[in-house]
Amino acid sequence: MHTVSVYVRSIAFLVFTLLAWPALAAQNTLLVVGDSLSAAYGVPSETAWVQLLRDRLEGRGLEWQVVNASISGETTDGGLRRLPDLLEKNQPDVVIIELGGNDGLRGFPPEVIEANLAQMIELILENGATPLIVGMQIPPNYGQRYTQMFADIFPTLSDRYGAALVPFFLEGIYNQNGMMQDDGIHPTEQAQPVLLDNLWDRLKPLLSGA
């Protein structure tokens, strides 16, 4: 009788595990590949927009794991080199690409920036994930021709790959009092909810689709 009881309990545990597995596997992964704007530069990490995104998803009962692979100072070249390992390790469903700003500030050729981002998008698509492109702009002192060529990179890639686009990450921030740190480059703690809101309308449909 004891042997039968153990056997029954084992079968019951196996059935429970199999029934529970879909729920455990249902959590999706969102990967953020960005620079200092997403790496909480100069602000407490618990108030940065990536953490605010985690809080919003949890508050709405959305089962998403948010992996932040952002590095201050990161360029599109660095992001491209790191991306294959990040995709293999995390198997994301959605990838936010927030890169290009450092390339532009360093005067990198627009065609190189575009090529790097294009390869990132292709890698993401090949891995069955959905990309979200975060658009950036650079100050006008770089010259009208360069600043326009840089700004055009992001909508061009969005059109080419049919990818969702945040037109300008710093919209409503870069020219508002109290929204930028003293360096004039990085958003303040006060600006972090605005960064999230600038992303949310484009990101939300991708989360629902996944």
Protein backbone atom coordinates (compact mmCIF):
# COMPACT_ATOMS: atom_id res chain seq x y z
CA MET A 1 0.00 0.00 0.00
CA HIS A 2 2.83 2.37 0.84
CA THR A 3 4.40 1.81 -2.57
CA VAL A 4 1.09 2.48 -4.31
CA SER A 5 0.63 5.68 -2.30
CA VAL A 6 4.06 6.96 -3.28
CA TYR A 7 3.36 6.08 -6.90
CA VAL A 8 0.05 7.97 -6.86
CA ARG A 9 1.68 11.02 -5.30
CA SER A 10 4.42 10.94 -7.94
CA ILE A 11 1.89 10.80 -10.75
CA ALA A 12 -0.08 13.64 -9.16
CA PHE A 13 3.06 15.78 -8.90
CA LEU A 14 3.95 15.06 -12.53
CA VAL A 15 0.48 16.04 -13.72
CA PHE A 16 0.60 19.25 -11.65
CA THR A 17 4.00 20.14 -13.09
CA LEU A 18 2.82 19.60 -16.67
CA LEU A 19 -0.28 21.68 -16.08
CA ALA A 20 1.69 24.48 -14.44
CA TRP A 21 4.42 24.58 -17.10
CA PRO A 22 2.54 26.71 -19.67
CA ALA A 23 1.93 29.36 -17.01
CA LEU A 24 5.58 29.32 -15.99
CA ALA A 25 6.72 29.54 -19.59
CA ALA A 26 4.24 32.27 -20.47
CA GLN A 27 6.41 35.12 -19.19
CA ASN A 28 7.89 37.07 -22.07
CA THR A 29 11.21 38.89 -22.14
CA LEU A 30 11.88 42.47 -23.18
CA LEU A 31 15.51 43.39 -23.84
CA VAL A 32 16.74 46.99 -23.71
CA VAL A 33 19.97 47.66 -25.61
CA GLY A 34 20.86 51.27 -25.02
CA ASP A 35 23.36 53.84 -23.83
CA SER A 36 23.46 56.15 -20.82
CA LEU A 37 19.90 57.35 -21.44
CA SER A 38 18.74 53.85 -20.53
CA ALA A 39 21.53 53.00 -18.07
CA ALA A 40 20.28 55.39 -15.35
CA TYR A 41 23.20 57.79 -15.76
CA GLY A 42 23.09 60.42 -13.03
CA VAL A 43 19.78 59.27 -11.54
CA PRO A 44 18.84 56.66 -8.93
CA SER A 45 18.29 53.33 -10.65
CA GLU A 46 14.94 52.84 -8.93
CA THR A 47 13.61 56.03 -10.56
CA ALA A 48 15.06 55.45 -14.05
CA TRP A 49 12.67 54.86 -16.93
CA VAL A 50 13.55 51.15 -17.30
CA GLN A 51 12.60 50.49 -13.69
CA LEU A 52 9.47 52.60 -14.14
CA LEU A 53 8.62 50.34 -17.08
CA ARG A 54 9.00 47.26 -14.89
CA ASP A 55 6.73 48.87 -12.31
CA ARG A 56 4.12 49.75 -14.93
CA LEU A 57 4.07 46.26 -16.39
CA GLU A 58 3.74 44.70 -12.96
CA GLY A 59 1.02 47.15 -11.98
CA ARG A 60 -0.98 46.20 -15.05
CA GLY A 61 -0.55 42.49 -14.47
CA LEU A 62 1.58 41.99 -17.59
CA GLU A 63 3.97 39.05 -17.29
CA TRP A 64 7.16 40.52 -18.71
CA GLN A 65 10.76 40.21 -17.64
CA VAL A 66 12.71 43.38 -18.52
CA VAL A 67 16.44 42.86 -19.10
CA ASN A 68 18.43 46.09 -19.25
CA ALA A 69 21.66 45.58 -21.21
CA SER A 70 22.36 49.30 -21.58
CA ILE A 71 25.86 50.71 -21.05
CA SER A 72 26.84 54.35 -20.64
CA GLY A 73 28.88 55.49 -23.63
CA GLU A 74 27.67 52.65 -25.83
CA THR A 75 27.72 53.10 -29.61
CA THR A 76 25.93 51.26 -32.39
CA ASP A 77 29.14 49.35 -33.11
CA GLY A 78 29.39 48.18 -29.51
CA GLY A 79 25.71 47.29 -29.41
CA LEU A 80 26.02 45.28 -32.61
CA ARG A 81 28.98 43.32 -31.25
CA ARG A 82 27.17 42.50 -28.01
CA LEU A 83 23.79 41.72 -29.53
CA PRO A 84 24.28 38.09 -30.66
CA ASP A 85 25.22 36.95 -27.15
CA LEU A 86 22.39 38.97 -25.62
CA LEU A 87 19.88 37.37 -27.97
CA GLU A 88 21.19 33.87 -27.32
CA LYS A 89 21.24 34.32 -23.55
CA ASN A 90 17.89 36.06 -23.08
CA GLN A 91 15.76 34.84 -26.02
CA PRO A 92 13.76 38.10 -26.00
CA ASP A 93 10.38 38.63 -27.58
CA VAL A 94 10.82 42.40 -27.95
CA VAL A 95 14.06 44.39 -28.20
CA ILE A 96 14.27 48.14 -27.65
CA ILE A 97 17.21 49.63 -29.58
CA GLU A 98 18.16 52.93 -27.95
CA LEU A 99 21.49 53.64 -29.62
CA GLY A 100 23.03 56.16 -31.99
CA GLY A 101 23.25 59.24 -29.82
CA ASN A 102 26.91 58.72 -28.90
CA ASP A 103 27.74 57.99 -32.52
CA GLY A 104 26.19 61.27 -33.57
CA LEU A 105 27.87 63.29 -30.83
CA ARG A 106 31.21 61.86 -31.97
CA GLY A 107 30.50 62.73 -35.59
CA PHE A 108 30.48 59.16 -36.90
CA PRO A 109 29.42 58.84 -40.56
CA PRO A 110 25.62 58.51 -40.81
CA GLU A 111 25.92 55.61 -43.27
CA VAL A 112 27.98 53.65 -40.72
CA ILE A 113 25.48 54.32 -37.94
CA GLU A 114 22.63 53.26 -40.22
CA ALA A 115 24.44 50.08 -41.30
CA ASN A 116 25.12 49.07 -37.69
CA LEU A 117 21.52 49.63 -36.65
CA ALA A 118 20.27 47.79 -39.74
CA GLN A 119 22.36 44.75 -38.83
CA MET A 120 20.98 44.86 -35.29
CA ILE A 121 17.42 44.93 -36.58
CA GLU A 122 18.10 42.02 -38.93
CA LEU A 123 19.62 39.96 -36.11
CA ILE A 124 16.59 40.65 -33.92
CA LEU A 125 14.17 39.65 -36.67
CA GLU A 126 16.18 36.52 -37.48
CA ASN A 127 15.85 35.50 -33.83
CA GLY A 128 12.08 35.81 -33.97
CA ALA A 129 11.92 38.97 -31.85
CA THR A 130 10.28 42.32 -32.54
CA PRO A 131 12.44 45.48 -32.62
CA LEU A 132 11.46 48.93 -31.38
CA ILE A 133 13.66 51.70 -32.76
CA VAL A 134 14.20 54.71 -30.53
CA GLY A 135 14.92 57.82 -32.59
CA MET A 136 17.41 60.48 -31.56
CA GLN A 137 18.50 63.93 -32.66
CA ILE A 138 21.72 65.86 -32.06
CA PRO A 139 22.32 69.58 -31.39
CA PRO A 140 22.28 71.95 -34.40
CA ASN A 141 25.89 73.02 -33.86
CA TYR A 142 26.93 69.90 -35.81
CA GLY A 143 25.68 71.60 -38.95
CA GLN A 144 22.31 71.36 -40.69
CA ARG A 145 23.38 68.72 -43.21
CA TYR A 146 24.83 66.32 -40.64
CA THR A 147 22.05 66.76 -38.09
CA GLN A 148 19.41 66.11 -40.75
CA MET A 149 21.21 63.06 -42.11
CA PHE A 150 21.50 61.73 -38.56
CA ALA A 151 17.84 62.34 -37.73
CA ASP A 152 16.76 60.63 -40.97
CA ILE A 153 18.48 57.36 -40.02
CA PHE A 154 15.74 56.21 -37.67
CA PRO A 155 12.60 56.75 -39.79
CA THR A 156 14.48 55.33 -42.78
CA LEU A 157 15.16 52.08 -40.92
CA SER A 158 11.61 52.00 -39.57
CA ASP A 159 10.23 52.21 -43.11
CA ARG A 160 12.70 49.67 -44.49
CA TYR A 161 11.94 46.98 -41.93
CA GLY A 162 8.39 47.90 -40.98
CA ALA A 163 9.60 48.37 -37.41
CA ALA A 164 7.91 50.47 -34.74
CA LEU A 165 9.59 53.83 -34.14
CA VAL A 166 9.75 56.30 -31.28
CA PRO A 167 10.39 59.48 -33.33
CA PHE A 168 12.45 61.35 -30.72
CA PHE A 169 13.24 59.94 -27.28
CA LEU A 170 13.84 63.35 -25.69
CA GLU A 171 10.65 64.97 -26.96
CA GLY A 172 9.29 67.31 -24.29
CA ILE A 173 12.51 66.99 -22.30
CA TYR A 174 15.55 68.50 -24.01
CA ASN A 175 14.18 72.06 -24.03
CA GLN A 176 12.30 72.07 -20.72
CA ASN A 177 13.54 73.54 -17.44
CA GLY A 178 14.60 70.95 -14.88
CA MET A 179 14.49 68.10 -17.37
CA MET A 180 18.18 67.94 -18.34
CA GLN A 181 21.24 67.47 -16.15
CA ASP A 182 23.94 70.15 -16.07
CA ASP A 183 25.81 68.47 -18.93
CA GLY A 184 22.90 69.21 -21.26
CA ILE A 185 22.94 65.62 -22.53
CA HIS A 186 21.33 63.41 -19.89
CA PRO A 187 17.75 63.66 -18.58
CA THR A 188 17.15 64.28 -14.90
CA GLU A 189 15.22 62.12 -12.49
CA GLN A 190 12.21 64.36 -13.13
CA ALA A 191 12.35 63.48 -16.83
CA GLN A 192 12.33 59.71 -16.43
CA PRO A 193 8.51 59.30 -16.45
CA VAL A 194 8.40 61.39 -19.64
CA LEU A 195 10.96 59.11 -21.28
CA LEU A 196 8.75 56.14 -20.48
CA ASP A 197 5.65 57.89 -21.78
CA ASN A 198 7.49 58.75 -25.01
CA LEU A 199 8.07 55.02 -25.51
CA TRP A 200 4.87 53.57 -24.17
CA ASP A 201 2.43 54.20 -27.03
CA ARG A 202 4.79 52.47 -29.49
CA LEU A 203 5.80 49.73 -27.10
CA LYS A 204 2.39 48.70 -25.78
CA PRO A 205 1.12 47.18 -29.07
CA LEU A 206 4.31 45.13 -29.35
CA LEU A 207 3.77 43.69 -25.88
CA SER A 208 0.20 42.77 -26.73
CA GLY A 209 1.33 41.20 -30.00
CA ALA A 210 3.89 39.02 -28.27
